[in-house]
């Protein structure tokens, strides 16, 4: 994988369902080691774009170019919003996270190494034998990320994994993912409507507004004008700390 070439690039991308347009003219270039947040209110097309990037939704027009290495099943990880396993089925953390290795040929020793590495990176070391359902909500979400991470991917997509988490759990998960981007050069695309998360952790942002996407480095996208386009009058209800940080980003850009 060429470190300077885009991992994923969209050109003139339009997406929709059954003739109904959701997004038009999406232009994004994602490179290795970048932490992208797809940011916007509910129903603005964030998950639609994620599905297209995963190859689950064909473009209405335009194109999506992917690094050829992403065709390998062990190079891409996906974290859904929730876990769909049967809560009445006894499942250990080891068993749950190891589900991420289905279809990935590896030896027993390699499986153990992958599992230990993924759990350590998500702050779950020593919990291999714990009952998955006995964990806190935040720990279960980190297990979901570990299930994707155990594949040792170079590219990972997450669909609102912090939804419903309390603030400490949310921060712990986001910090763990941010460390992976910097230390492992993992490329991340993370769907959220959390402006604070974008300000604190993103290197790049795709902001969804009126069927269009404003995409680029965080400091060029998170401007008051763009946020008003995306959130409208609701911007006044956005977390004040995030708004203050956004103003600080704008002031830095003016210097």
Foldseek 3Di string as FASTA:
>chain_A
DDQPAFQKWWAQFWFDPPPDTQATGATDGFGFLFAEEAAFDPPNCQVVVVCVVVVNGPTPDTDMDHDVVVVDLLAEFEFEQDDDDDPVDFDFLQRLLLVLCVVPDDDPVLLVVLLQVLCVLLVNHPRRGPGLVVDDLLVNLSSSVSSRCSSVHQEYEYEPNCPPPDPVSSVSRLVSVLCCSVPVSRTYYYYDNALQSLLPRGQKYWAGADNYTDIDGSLVQLEPVNVCRRQPPCVVVHDPVSVVSNVVSPVVVVD
